[in-house]
């Protein structure tokens, strides 16, 4: 397998990524898939040309949760933390911010338009 930093550099925000593994590196496909998921990518297809060659195709996942996961992973790496969390367990994400309240009905407004 390429060095982990080289694999990580592949997931740079592009829409599609292809990684080809040969020989004993094929056994590392699962780890590459885990890295891809942490970086906000989903496995699109896996082609096994033979026992010695595997081609992995990833696409960027633009789901808000995937984008947040990628941002958290990049921040963790920048802070010197691990690329992958031990046991694959991810701490719960903070809840989304509250939605703004709906506007008041016209008969309850205090802007001088009451009852018109």
PDB file of N, CA and C in Angstrom:
ATOM      1  N   UNK A   1       0.844  -1.179   0.000  1.00  0.00           N
ATOM      2  CA  UNK A   1       0.000   0.000   0.000  1.00  0.00           C
ATOM      3  C   UNK A   1       0.884   1.235   0.000  1.00  0.00           C
ATOM      4  N   UNK A   2       0.399   2.243  -0.614  1.00  0.00           N
ATOM      5  CA  UNK A   2       1.113   3.506  -0.549  1.00  0.00           C
ATOM      6  C   UNK A   2       1.168   3.914   0.913  1.00  0.00           C
ATOM      7  N   UNK A   3       2.078   4.760   1.222  1.00  0.00           N
ATOM      8  CA  UNK A   3       2.127   5.255   2.589  1.00  0.00           C
ATOM      9  C   UNK A   3       0.812   5.943   2.906  1.00  0.00           C
ATOM     10  N   UNK A   4       0.431   5.897   4.165  1.00  0.00           N
ATOM     11  CA  UNK A   4      -0.868   6.434   4.566  1.00  0.00           C
ATOM     12  C   UNK A   4      -1.024   7.897   4.168  1.00  0.00           C
ATOM     13  N   UNK A   5       0.035   8.672   4.271  1.00  0.00           N
ATOM     14  CA  UNK A   5      -0.047  10.088   3.892  1.00  0.00           C
ATOM     15  C   UNK A   5      -0.343  10.240   2.402  1.00  0.00           C
ATOM     16  N   UNK A   6       0.205   9.352   1.586  1.00  0.00           N
ATOM     17  CA  UNK A   6      -0.061   9.410   0.145  1.00  0.00           C
ATOM     18  C   UNK A   6      -1.512   9.051  -0.155  1.00  0.00           C
ATOM     19  N   UNK A   7      -2.037   8.047   0.555  1.00  0.00           N
ATOM     20  CA  UNK A   7      -3.445   7.674   0.373  1.00  0.00           C
ATOM     21  C   UNK A   7      -4.334   8.823   0.818  1.00  0.00           C
ATOM     22  N   UNK A   8      -4.036   9.391   1.962  1.00  0.00           N
ATOM     23  CA  UNK A   8      -4.818  10.505   2.496  1.00  0.00           C
ATOM     24  C   UNK A   8      -4.822  11.683   1.527  1.00  0.00           C
ATOM     25  N   UNK A   9      -3.696  11.945   0.897  1.00  0.00           N
ATOM     26  CA  UNK A   9      -3.597  13.065  -0.047  1.00  0.00           C
ATOM     27  C   UNK A   9      -4.500  12.873  -1.263  1.00  0.00           C
ATOM     28  N   UNK A  10      -4.839  11.634  -1.589  1.00  0.00           N
ATOM     29  CA  UNK A  10      -5.728  11.375  -2.725  1.00  0.00           C
ATOM     30  C   UNK A  10      -7.121  11.957  -2.484  1.00  0.00           C
ATOM     31  N   UNK A  11      -7.566  11.955  -1.223  1.00  0.00           N
ATOM     32  CA  UNK A  11      -8.913  12.406  -0.879  1.00  0.00           C
ATOM     33  C   UNK A  11      -8.880  13.904  -0.589  1.00  0.00           C
ATOM     34  N   UNK A  12      -8.725  14.669  -1.656  1.00  0.00           N
ATOM     35  CA  UNK A  12      -8.488  16.111  -1.539  1.00  0.00           C
ATOM     36  C   UNK A  12      -9.693  16.962  -1.921  1.00  0.00           C
ATOM     37  N   UNK A  13     -10.864  16.365  -2.000  1.00  0.00           N
ATOM     38  CA  UNK A  13     -12.058  17.132  -2.335  1.00  0.00           C
ATOM     39  C   UNK A  13     -12.549  16.928  -3.753  1.00  0.00           C
ATOM     40  N   UNK A  14     -11.776  16.218  -4.571  1.00  0.00           N
ATOM     41  CA  UNK A  14     -12.237  15.931  -5.934  1.00  0.00           C
ATOM     42  C   UNK A  14     -13.506  15.090  -5.892  1.00  0.00           C
ATOM     43  N   UNK A  15     -14.266  15.137  -6.952  1.00  0.00           N
ATOM     44  CA  UNK A  15     -15.516  14.393  -7.017  1.00  0.00           C
ATOM     45  C   UNK A  15     -15.334  12.892  -7.130  1.00  0.00           C
ATOM     46  N   UNK A  16     -14.300  12.457  -7.856  1.00  0.00           N
ATOM     47  CA  UNK A  16     -14.056  11.023  -8.070  1.00  0.00           C
ATOM     48  C   UNK A  16     -12.579  10.713  -7.859  1.00  0.00           C
ATOM     49  N   UNK A  17     -12.335   9.544  -7.272  1.00  0.00           N
ATOM     50  CA  UNK A  17     -10.963   9.108  -7.018  1.00  0.00           C
ATOM     51  C   UNK A  17     -10.861   7.629  -7.360  1.00  0.00           C
ATOM     52  N   UNK A  18      -9.761   7.250  -7.975  1.00  0.00           N
ATOM     53  CA  UNK A  18      -9.503   5.844  -8.284  1.00  0.00           C
ATOM     54  C   UNK A  18      -8.166   5.460  -7.671  1.00  0.00           C
ATOM     55  N   UNK A  19      -8.157   4.339  -6.959  1.00  0.00           N
ATOM     56  CA  UNK A  19      -6.926   3.817  -6.366  1.00  0.00           C
ATOM     57  C   UNK A  19      -6.770   2.378  -6.829  1.00  0.00           C
ATOM     58  N   UNK A  20      -5.594   2.056  -7.354  1.00  0.00           N
ATOM     59  CA  UNK A  20      -5.303   0.703  -7.826  1.00  0.00           C
ATOM     60  C   UNK A  20      -4.315   0.065  -6.855  1.00  0.00           C
ATOM     61  N   UNK A  21      -4.661  -1.129  -6.380  1.00  0.00           N
ATOM     62  CA  UNK A  21      -3.803  -1.884  -5.467  1.00  0.00           C
ATOM     63  C   UNK A  21      -3.322  -3.138  -6.177  1.00  0.00           C
ATOM     64  N   UNK A  22      -2.033  -3.442  -5.990  1.00  0.00           N
ATOM     65  CA  UNK A  22      -1.446  -4.619  -6.641  1.00  0.00           C
ATOM     66  C   UNK A  22      -0.724  -5.479  -5.609  1.00  0.00           C
ATOM     67  N   UNK A  23      -0.711  -6.776  -5.878  1.00  0.00           N
ATOM     68  CA  UNK A  23       0.035  -7.709  -5.037  1.00  0.00           C
ATOM     69  C   UNK A  23      -0.481  -7.758  -3.611  1.00  0.00           C
ATOM     70  N   UNK A  24       0.457  -7.794  -2.662  1.00  0.00           N
ATOM     71  CA  UNK A  24       0.075  -7.905  -1.255  1.00  0.00           C
ATOM     72  C   UNK A  24      -0.678  -6.668  -0.760  1.00  0.00           C
ATOM     73  N   UNK A  25      -0.606  -5.581  -1.486  1.00  0.00           N
ATOM     74  CA  UNK A  25      -1.300  -4.346  -1.093  1.00  0.00           C
ATOM     75  C   UNK A  25      -2.822  -4.488  -1.185  1.00  0.00           C
ATOM     76  N   UNK A  26      -3.303  -5.485  -1.947  1.00  0.00           N
ATOM     77  CA  UNK A  26      -4.743  -5.719  -2.074  1.00  0.00           C
ATOM     78  C   UNK A  26      -5.358  -5.944  -0.694  1.00  0.00           C
ATOM     79  N   UNK A  27      -4.599  -6.545   0.213  1.00  0.00           N
ATOM     80  CA  UNK A  27      -5.098  -6.813   1.561  1.00  0.00           C
ATOM     81  C   UNK A  27      -5.397  -5.526   2.328  1.00  0.00           C
ATOM     82  N   UNK A  28      -4.882  -4.399   1.886  1.00  0.00           N
ATOM     83  CA  UNK A  28      -5.090  -3.116   2.573  1.00  0.00           C
ATOM     84  C   UNK A  28      -6.320  -2.366   2.064  1.00  0.00           C
ATOM     85  N   UNK A  29      -7.100  -2.962   1.184  1.00  0.00           N
ATOM     86  CA  UNK A  29      -8.264  -2.278   0.608  1.00  0.00           C
ATOM     87  C   UNK A  29      -9.255  -1.844   1.683  1.00  0.00           C
ATOM     88  N   UNK A  30      -9.451  -2.666   2.703  1.00  0.00           N
ATOM     89  CA  UNK A  30     -10.378  -2.310   3.777  1.00  0.00           C
ATOM     90  C   UNK A  30      -9.945  -1.061   4.525  1.00  0.00           C
ATOM     91  N   UNK A  31      -8.657  -0.938   4.777  1.00  0.00           N
ATOM     92  CA  UNK A  31      -8.153   0.260   5.473  1.00  0.00           C
ATOM     93  C   UNK A  31      -8.325   1.496   4.596  1.00  0.00           C
ATOM     94  N   UNK A  32      -8.087   1.357   3.309  1.00  0.00           N
ATOM     95  CA  UNK A  32      -8.271   2.495   2.402  1.00  0.00           C
ATOM     96  C   UNK A  32      -9.736   2.911   2.374  1.00  0.00           C
ATOM     97  N   UNK A  33     -10.644   1.937   2.391  1.00  0.00           N
ATOM     98  CA  UNK A  33     -12.066   2.272   2.430  1.00  0.00           C
ATOM     99  C   UNK A  33     -12.415   3.011   3.720  1.00  0.00           C
ATOM    100  N   UNK A  34     -11.820   2.619   4.845  1.00  0.00           N
ATOM    101  CA  UNK A  34     -12.069   3.307   6.115  1.00  0.00           C
ATOM    102  C   UNK A  34     -11.549   4.743   6.064  1.00  0.00           C
ATOM    103  N   UNK A  35     -10.374   4.939   5.470  1.00  0.00           N
ATOM    104  CA  UNK A  35      -9.818   6.288   5.317  1.00  0.00           C
ATOM    105  C   UNK A  35     -10.735   7.125   4.435  1.00  0.00           C
ATOM    106  N   UNK A  36     -11.195   6.528   3.347  1.00  0.00           N
ATOM    107  CA  UNK A  36     -12.085   7.249   2.434  1.00  0.00           C
ATOM    108  C   UNK A  36     -13.351   7.703   3.147  1.00  0.00           C
ATOM    109  N   UNK A  37     -13.924   6.820   3.943  1.00  0.00           N
ATOM    110  CA  UNK A  37     -15.149   7.187   4.657  1.00  0.00           C
ATOM    111  C   UNK A  37     -14.891   8.338   5.623  1.00  0.00           C
ATOM    112  N   UNK A  38     -13.782   8.288   6.344  1.00  0.00           N
ATOM    113  CA  UNK A  38     -13.456   9.374   7.273  1.00  0.00           C
ATOM    114  C   UNK A  38     -13.266  10.699   6.547  1.00  0.00           C
ATOM    115  N   UNK A  39     -12.806  10.628   5.304  1.00  0.00           N
ATOM    116  CA  UNK A  39     -12.556  11.841   4.535  1.00  0.00           C
ATOM    117  C   UNK A  39     -13.767  12.274   3.715  1.00  0.00           C
ATOM    118  N   UNK A  40     -14.916  11.612   3.934  1.00  0.00           N
ATOM    119  CA  UNK A  40     -16.149  12.037   3.279  1.00  0.00           C
ATOM    120  C   UNK A  40     -16.354  11.463   1.893  1.00  0.00           C
ATOM    121  N   UNK A  41     -15.854  10.262   1.649  1.00  0.00           N
ATOM    122  CA  UNK A  41     -16.018   9.593   0.358  1.00  0.00           C
ATOM    123  C   UNK A  41     -16.731   8.265   0.554  1.00  0.00           C
ATOM    124  N   UNK A  42     -17.428   7.824  -0.483  1.00  0.00           N
ATOM    125  CA  UNK A  42     -18.113   6.534  -0.473  1.00  0.00           C
ATOM    126  C   UNK A  42     -17.551   5.665  -1.588  1.00  0.00           C
ATOM    127  N   UNK A  43     -17.470   4.368  -1.316  1.00  0.00           N
ATOM    128  CA  UNK A  43     -17.008   3.435  -2.336  1.00  0.00           C
ATOM    129  C   UNK A  43     -18.086   3.313  -3.402  1.00  0.00           C
ATOM    130  N   UNK A  44     -17.727   3.625  -4.628  1.00  0.00           N
ATOM    131  CA  UNK A  44     -18.667   3.543  -5.750  1.00  0.00           C
ATOM    132  C   UNK A  44     -18.603   2.163  -6.401  1.00  0.00           C
ATOM    133  N   UNK A  45     -17.388   1.669  -6.599  1.00  0.00           N
ATOM    134  CA  UNK A  45     -17.238   0.329  -7.160  1.00  0.00           C
ATOM    135  C   UNK A  45     -15.874  -0.235  -6.799  1.00  0.00           C
ATOM    136  N   UNK A  46     -15.828  -1.552  -6.829  1.00  0.00           N
ATOM    137  CA  UNK A  46     -14.578  -2.280  -6.558  1.00  0.00           C
ATOM    138  C   UNK A  46     -14.437  -3.317  -7.652  1.00  0.00           C
ATOM    139  N   UNK A  47     -13.383  -3.197  -8.421  1.00  0.00           N
ATOM    140  CA  UNK A  47     -13.133  -4.128  -9.517  1.00  0.00           C
ATOM    141  C   UNK A  47     -11.965  -5.027  -9.141  1.00  0.00           C
ATOM    142  N   UNK A  48     -12.218  -6.323  -9.130  1.00  0.00           N
ATOM    143  CA  UNK A  48     -11.161  -7.290  -8.877  1.00  0.00           C
ATOM    144  C   UNK A  48     -10.730  -7.904 -10.184  1.00  0.00           C
ATOM    145  N   UNK A  49      -9.729  -7.339 -10.796  1.00  0.00           N
ATOM    146  CA  UNK A  49      -9.266  -7.845 -12.097  1.00  0.00           C
ATOM    147  C   UNK A  49      -8.657  -9.238 -11.957  1.00  0.00           C
ATOM    148  N   UNK A  50      -8.014  -9.471 -10.840  1.00  0.00           N
ATOM    149  CA  UNK A  50      -7.440 -10.778 -10.519  1.00  0.00           C
ATOM    150  C   UNK A  50      -7.219 -10.786  -9.015  1.00  0.00           C
ATOM    151  N   UNK A  51      -6.599 -11.834  -8.515  1.00  0.00           N
ATOM    152  CA  UNK A  51      -6.285 -11.856  -7.087  1.00  0.00           C
ATOM    153  C   UNK A  51      -5.193 -10.853  -6.743  1.00  0.00           C
ATOM    154  N   UNK A  52      -4.491 -10.381  -7.754  1.00  0.00           N
ATOM    155  CA  UNK A  52      -3.357  -9.494  -7.521  1.00  0.00           C
ATOM    156  C   UNK A  52      -3.629  -8.031  -7.824  1.00  0.00           C
ATOM    157  N   UNK A  53      -4.782  -7.702  -8.396  1.00  0.00           N
ATOM    158  CA  UNK A  53      -5.069  -6.312  -8.753  1.00  0.00           C
ATOM    159  C   UNK A  53      -6.511  -5.977  -8.373  1.00  0.00           C
ATOM    160  N   UNK A  54      -6.664  -4.889  -7.614  1.00  0.00           N
ATOM    161  CA  UNK A  54      -7.993  -4.385  -7.245  1.00  0.00           C
ATOM    162  C   UNK A  54      -8.024  -2.897  -7.550  1.00  0.00           C
ATOM    163  N   UNK A  55      -9.102  -2.481  -8.171  1.00  0.00           N
ATOM    164  CA  UNK A  55      -9.289  -1.068  -8.501  1.00  0.00           C
ATOM    165  C   UNK A  55     -10.482  -0.564  -7.681  1.00  0.00           C
ATOM    166  N   UNK A  56     -10.257   0.464  -6.853  1.00  0.00           N
ATOM    167  CA  UNK A  56     -11.302   1.048  -6.019  1.00  0.00           C
ATOM    168  C   UNK A  56     -11.700   2.400  -6.592  1.00  0.00           C
ATOM    169  N   UNK A  57     -12.989   2.601  -6.779  1.00  0.00           N
ATOM    170  CA  UNK A  57     -13.510   3.875  -7.270  1.00  0.00           C
ATOM    171  C   UNK A  57     -14.326   4.509  -6.150  1.00  0.00           C
ATOM    172  N   UNK A  58     -13.968   5.724  -5.781  1.00  0.00           N
ATOM    173  CA  UNK A  58     -14.675   6.448  -4.726  1.00  0.00           C
ATOM    174  C   UNK A  58     -15.309   7.699  -5.310  1.00  0.00           C
ATOM    175  N   UNK A  59     -16.442   8.099  -4.728  1.00  0.00           N
ATOM    176  CA  UNK A  59     -17.066   9.377  -5.079  1.00  0.00           C
ATOM    177  C   UNK A  59     -17.246  10.176  -3.794  1.00  0.00           C
ATOM    178  N   UNK A  60     -17.132  11.477  -3.923  1.00  0.00           N
ATOM    179  CA  UNK A  60     -17.310  12.356  -2.767  1.00  0.00           C
ATOM    180  C   UNK A  60     -18.768  12.289  -2.324  1.00  0.00           C
ATOM    181  N   UNK A  61     -18.965  12.121  -1.034  1.00  0.00           N
ATOM    182  CA  UNK A  61     -20.308  12.076  -0.457  1.00  0.00           C
ATOM    183  C   UNK A  61     -20.633  13.485   0.021  1.00  0.00           C
ATOM    184  N   UNK A  62     -21.597  14.132  -0.616  1.00  0.00           N
ATOM    185  CA  UNK A  62     -21.938  15.508  -0.264  1.00  0.00           C
ATOM    186  C   UNK A  62     -23.043  15.603   0.779  1.00  0.00           C
ATOM    187  N   UNK A  63     -23.389  14.489   1.389  1.00  0.00           N
ATOM    188  CA  UNK A  63     -24.347  14.494   2.484  1.00  0.00           C
ATOM    189  C   UNK A  63     -23.773  15.350   3.620  1.00  0.00           C
ATOM    190  N   UNK A  64     -24.585  16.185   4.276  1.00  0.00           N
ATOM    191  CA  UNK A  64     -24.057  17.044   5.347  1.00  0.00           C
ATOM    192  C   UNK A  64     -23.328  16.276   6.454  1.00  0.00           C
ATOM    193  N   UNK A  65     -23.799  15.083   6.802  1.00  0.00           N
ATOM    194  CA  UNK A  65     -23.113  14.303   7.835  1.00  0.00           C
ATOM    195  C   UNK A  65     -21.736  13.847   7.363  1.00  0.00           C
ATOM    196  N   UNK A  66     -21.622  13.463   6.109  1.00  0.00           N
ATOM    197  CA  UNK A  66     -20.324  13.054   5.564  1.00  0.00           C
ATOM    198  C   UNK A  66     -19.373  14.240   5.498  1.00  0.00           C
ATOM    199  N   UNK A  67     -19.869  15.394   5.119  1.00  0.00           N
ATOM    200  CA  UNK A  67     -19.024  16.586   5.053  1.00  0.00           C
ATOM    201  C   UNK A  67     -18.550  16.958   6.457  1.00  0.00           C
ATOM    202  N   UNK A  68     -19.448  16.861   7.454  1.00  0.00           N
ATOM    203  CA  UNK A  68     -19.055  17.169   8.836  1.00  0.00           C
ATOM    204  C   UNK A  68     -18.004  16.174   9.320  1.00  0.00           C
ATOM    205  N   UNK A  69     -18.191  14.884   9.001  1.00  0.00           N
ATOM    206  CA  UNK A  69     -17.225  13.857   9.393  1.00  0.00           C
ATOM    207  C   UNK A  69     -15.856  14.176   8.793  1.00  0.00           C
ATOM    208  N   UNK A  70     -15.827  14.584   7.530  1.00  0.00           N
ATOM    209  CA  UNK A  70     -14.561  14.927   6.877  1.00  0.00           C
ATOM    210  C   UNK A  70     -13.904  16.129   7.553  1.00  0.00           C
ATOM    211  N   UNK A  71     -14.694  17.140   7.886  1.00  0.00           N
ATOM    212  CA  UNK A  71     -14.141  18.322   8.565  1.00  0.00           C
ATOM    213  C   UNK A  71     -13.580  17.951   9.932  1.00  0.00           C
ATOM    214  N   UNK A  72     -14.303  17.111  10.678  1.00  0.00           N
ATOM    215  CA  UNK A  72     -13.822  16.689  11.994  1.00  0.00           C
ATOM    216  C   UNK A  72     -12.537  15.877  11.872  1.00  0.00           C
ATOM    217  N   UNK A  73     -12.458  15.033  10.861  1.00  0.00           N
ATOM    218  CA  UNK A  73     -11.258  14.225  10.650  1.00  0.00           C
ATOM    219  C   UNK A  73     -10.072  15.115  10.299  1.00  0.00           C
ATOM    220  N   UNK A  74     -10.268  16.076   9.416  1.00  0.00           N
ATOM    221  CA  UNK A  74      -9.185  16.982   9.043  1.00  0.00           C
ATOM    222  C   UNK A  74      -8.715  17.794  10.246  1.00  0.00           C
ATOM    223  N   UNK A  75      -9.647  18.240  11.081  1.00  0.00           N
ATOM    224  CA  UNK A  75      -9.274  18.995  12.281  1.00  0.00           C
ATOM    225  C   UNK A  75      -8.499  18.103  13.253  1.00  0.00           C
ATOM    226  N   UNK A  76      -8.921  16.854  13.401  1.00  0.00           N
ATOM    227  CA  UNK A  76      -8.244  15.915  14.300  1.00  0.00           C
ATOM    228  C   UNK A  76      -6.819  15.654  13.817  1.00  0.00           C
ATOM    229  N   UNK A  77      -6.648  15.472  12.506  1.00  0.00           N
ATOM    230  CA  UNK A  77      -5.316  15.229  11.951  1.00  0.00           C
ATOM    231  C   UNK A  77      -4.438  16.468  12.133  1.00  0.00           C
ATOM    232  N   UNK A  78      -5.003  17.650  11.878  1.00  0.00           N
ATOM    233  CA  UNK A  78      -4.239  18.897  12.022  1.00  0.00           C
ATOM    234  C   UNK A  78      -3.779  19.106  13.464  1.00  0.00           C
ATOM    235  N   UNK A  79      -4.568  18.598  14.420  1.00  0.00           N
ATOM    236  CA  UNK A  79      -4.216  18.740  15.833  1.00  0.00           C
ATOM    237  C   UNK A  79      -3.261  17.641  16.295  1.00  0.00           C
ATOM    238  N   UNK A  80      -2.833  16.780  15.373  1.00  0.00           N
ATOM    239  CA  UNK A  80      -1.899  15.719  15.721  1.00  0.00           C
ATOM    240  C   UNK A  80      -2.568  14.440  16.184  1.00  0.00           C
ATOM    241  N   UNK A  81      -3.871  14.348  16.013  1.00  0.00           N
ATOM    242  CA  UNK A  81      -4.606  13.151  16.417  1.00  0.00           C
ATOM    243  C   UNK A  81      -4.531  12.063  15.362  1.00  0.00           C
ATOM    244  N   UNK A  82      -5.154  10.925  15.658  1.00  0.00           N
ATOM    245  CA  UNK A  82      -5.109   9.802  14.715  1.00  0.00           C
ATOM    246  C   UNK A  82      -6.017  10.016  13.515  1.00  0.00           C
ATOM    247  N   UNK A  83      -5.644   9.399  12.417  1.00  0.00           N
ATOM    248  CA  UNK A  83      -6.474   9.450  11.214  1.00  0.00           C
ATOM    249  C   UNK A  83      -7.765   8.677  11.433  1.00  0.00           C
ATOM    250  N   UNK A  84      -7.635   7.456  11.921  1.00  0.00           N
ATOM    251  CA  UNK A  84      -8.800   6.619  12.201  1.00  0.00           C
ATOM    252  C   UNK A  84      -8.958   6.488  13.709  1.00  0.00           C
ATOM    253  N   UNK A  85     -10.179   6.571  14.173  1.00  0.00           N
ATOM    254  CA  UNK A  85     -10.441   6.438  15.598  1.00  0.00           C
ATOM    255  C   UNK A  85     -10.310   4.980  16.017  1.00  0.00           C
ATOM    256  N   UNK A  86      -9.822   4.729  17.238  1.00  0.00           N
ATOM    257  CA  UNK A  86      -9.667   3.344  17.700  1.00  0.00           C
ATOM    258  C   UNK A  86     -11.005   2.606  17.662  1.00  0.00           C
ATOM    259  N   UNK A  87     -10.998   1.438  17.083  1.00  0.00           N
ATOM    260  CA  UNK A  87     -12.206   0.628  17.013  1.00  0.00           C
ATOM    261  C   UNK A  87     -13.263   1.181  16.087  1.00  0.00           C
ATOM    262  N   UNK A  88     -12.947   2.237  15.364  1.00  0.00           N
ATOM    263  CA  UNK A  88     -13.914   2.834  14.451  1.00  0.00           C
ATOM    264  C   UNK A  88     -15.056   3.539  15.151  1.00  0.00           C
ATOM    265  N   UNK A  89     -14.932   3.734  16.467  1.00  0.00           N
ATOM    266  CA  UNK A  89     -16.005   4.382  17.225  1.00  0.00           C
ATOM    267  C   UNK A  89     -15.820   5.881  17.143  1.00  0.00           C
ATOM    268  N   UNK A  90     -16.841   6.549  16.724  1.00  0.00           N
ATOM    269  CA  UNK A  90     -16.802   8.000  16.555  1.00  0.00           C
ATOM    270  C   UNK A  90     -17.641   8.626  17.657  1.00  0.00           C
ATOM    271  N   UNK A  91     -17.111   9.666  18.326  1.00  0.00           N
ATOM    272  CA  UNK A  91     -17.924  10.334  19.345  1.00  0.00           C
ATOM    273  C   UNK A  91     -19.159  10.957  18.707  1.00  0.00           C
ATOM    274  N   UNK A  92     -20.227  11.062  19.475  1.00  0.00           N
ATOM    275  CA  UNK A  92     -21.439  11.644  18.883  1.00  0.00           C
ATOM    276  C   UNK A  92     -21.203  13.085  18.450  1.00  0.00           C
ATOM    277  N   UNK A  93     -21.749  13.422  17.327  1.00  0.00           N
ATOM    278  CA  UNK A  93     -21.646  14.793  16.828  1.00  0.00           C
ATOM    279  C   UNK A  93     -22.584  15.680  17.622  1.00  0.00           C
ATOM    280  N   UNK A  94     -22.236  16.944  17.748  1.00  0.00           N
ATOM    281  CA  UNK A  94     -23.156  17.843  18.441  1.00  0.00           C
ATOM    282  C   UNK A  94     -24.456  17.956  17.656  1.00  0.00           C
ATOM    283  N   UNK A  95     -25.538  18.234  18.357  1.00  0.00           N
ATOM    284  CA  UNK A  95     -26.811  18.358  17.641  1.00  0.00           C
ATOM    285  C   UNK A  95     -26.789  19.566  16.713  1.00  0.00           C
ATOM    286  N   UNK A  96     -27.620  19.541  15.684  1.00  0.00           N
ATOM    287  CA  UNK A  96     -27.672  20.699  14.787  1.00  0.00           C
ATOM    288  C   UNK A  96     -28.218  21.912  15.528  1.00  0.00           C
ATOM    289  N   UNK A  97     -27.904  23.110  15.066  1.00  0.00           N
ATOM    290  CA  UNK A  97     -28.413  24.306  15.744  1.00  0.00           C
ATOM    291  C   UNK A  97     -29.934  24.359  15.650  1.00  0.00           C
ATOM    292  N   UNK A  98     -30.565  25.010  16.624  1.00  0.00           N
ATOM    293  CA  UNK A  98     -32.031  25.086  16.593  1.00  0.00           C
ATOM    294  C   UNK A  98     -32.521  25.907  15.402  1.00  0.00           C
ATOM    295  N   UNK A  99     -33.695  25.559  14.942  1.00  0.00           N
ATOM    296  CA  UNK A  99     -34.311  26.286  13.834  1.00  0.00           C
ATOM    297  C   UNK A  99     -34.907  27.591  14.362  1.00  0.00           C
ATOM    298  N   UNK A 100     -34.937  28.636  13.550  1.00  0.00           N
ATOM    299  CA  UNK A 100     -35.557  29.888  14.005  1.00  0.00           C
ATOM    300  C   UNK A 100     -37.062  29.677  14.183  1.00  0.00           C
ATOM    301  N   UNK A 101     -37.650  30.415  15.112  1.00  0.00           N
ATOM    302  CA  UNK A 101     -39.090  30.252  15.330  1.00  0.00           C
ATOM    303  C   UNK A 101     -39.873  30.749  14.116  1.00  0.00           C
ATOM    304  N   UNK A 102     -41.068  30.222  13.926  1.00  0.00           N
ATOM    305  CA  UNK A 102     -41.883  30.690  12.798  1.00  0.00           C
ATOM    306  C   UNK A 102     -42.329  32.134  13.041  1.00  0.00           C
ATOM    307  N   UNK A 103     -42.645  32.870  12.001  1.00  0.00           N
ATOM    308  CA  UNK A 103     -43.093  34.257  12.187  1.00  0.00           C
ATOM    309  C   UNK A 103     -44.445  34.291  12.908  1.00  0.00           C
ATOM    310  N   UNK A 104     -44.645  35.381  13.632  1.00  0.00           N
ATOM    311  CA  UNK A 104     -45.921  35.555  14.334  1.00  0.00           C
ATOM    312  C   UNK A 104     -47.040  35.805  13.337  1.00  0.00           C
ATOM    313  N   UNK A 105     -48.224  35.326  13.650  1.00  0.00           N
ATOM    314  CA  UNK A 105     -49.363  35.651  12.786  1.00  0.00           C
ATOM    315  C   UNK A 105     -49.641  37.155  12.844  1.00  0.00           C
ATOM    316  N   UNK A 106     -50.229  37.706  11.810  1.00  0.00           N
ATOM    317  CA  UNK A 106     -50.442  39.160  11.746  1.00  0.00           C
ATOM    318  C   UNK A 106     -51.199  39.730  12.943  1.00  0.00           C
ATOM    319  N   UNK A 107     -52.142  38.998  13.499  1.00  0.00           N
ATOM    320  CA  UNK A 107     -52.935  39.556  14.604  1.00  0.00           C
ATOM    321  C   UNK A 107     -52.152  39.650  15.905  1.00  0.00           C
ATOM    322  N   UNK A 108     -50.944  39.064  15.977  1.00  0.00           N
ATOM    323  CA  UNK A 108     -50.128  39.150  17.186  1.00  0.00           C
ATOM    324  C   UNK A 108     -48.908  40.054  17.031  1.00  0.00           C
ATOM    325  N   UNK A 109     -48.696  40.613  15.866  1.00  0.00           N
ATOM    326  CA  UNK A 109     -47.530  41.470  15.643  1.00  0.00           C
ATOM    327  C   UNK A 109     -47.684  42.789  16.385  1.00  0.00           C
ATOM    328  N   UNK A 110     -46.541  43.321  16.830  1.00  0.00           N
ATOM    329  CA  UNK A 110     -46.540  44.595  17.542  1.00  0.00           C
ATOM    330  C   UNK A 110     -45.996  45.710  16.668  1.00  0.00           C
ATOM    331  N   UNK A 111     -46.042  45.543  15.354  1.00  0.00           N
ATOM    332  CA  UNK A 111     -45.451  46.541  14.466  1.00  0.00           C
ATOM    333  C   UNK A 111     -46.479  47.506  13.884  1.00  0.00           C
ATOM    334  N   UNK A 112     -47.614  47.612  14.518  1.00  0.00           N
ATOM    335  CA  UNK A 112     -48.615  48.574  14.057  1.00  0.00           C
ATOM    336  C   UNK A 112     -49.532  48.054  12.977  1.00  0.00           C
ATOM    337  N   UNK A 113     -49.433  46.793  12.641  1.00  0.00           N
ATOM    338  CA  UNK A 113     -50.291  46.250  11.593  1.00  0.00           C
ATOM    339  C   UNK A 113     -51.360  45.340  12.184  1.00  0.00           C
ATOM    340  N   UNK A 114     -51.636  45.501  13.443  1.00  0.00           N
ATOM    341  CA  UNK A 114     -52.580  44.635  14.133  1.00  0.00           C
ATOM    342  C   UNK A 114     -53.995  44.814  13.587  1.00  0.00           C
ATOM    343  N   UNK A 115     -54.623  43.727  13.251  1.00  0.00           N
ATOM    344  CA  UNK A 115     -56.022  43.727  12.863  1.00  0.00           C
ATOM    345  C   UNK A 115     -56.321  44.319  11.505  1.00  0.00           C
ATOM    346  N   UNK A 116     -55.361  44.498  10.655  1.00  0.00           N
ATOM    347  CA  UNK A 116     -55.633  45.085   9.332  1.00  0.00           C
ATOM    348  C   UNK A 116     -55.880  44.039   8.316  1.00  0.00           C
TER     349      UNK A 116
END
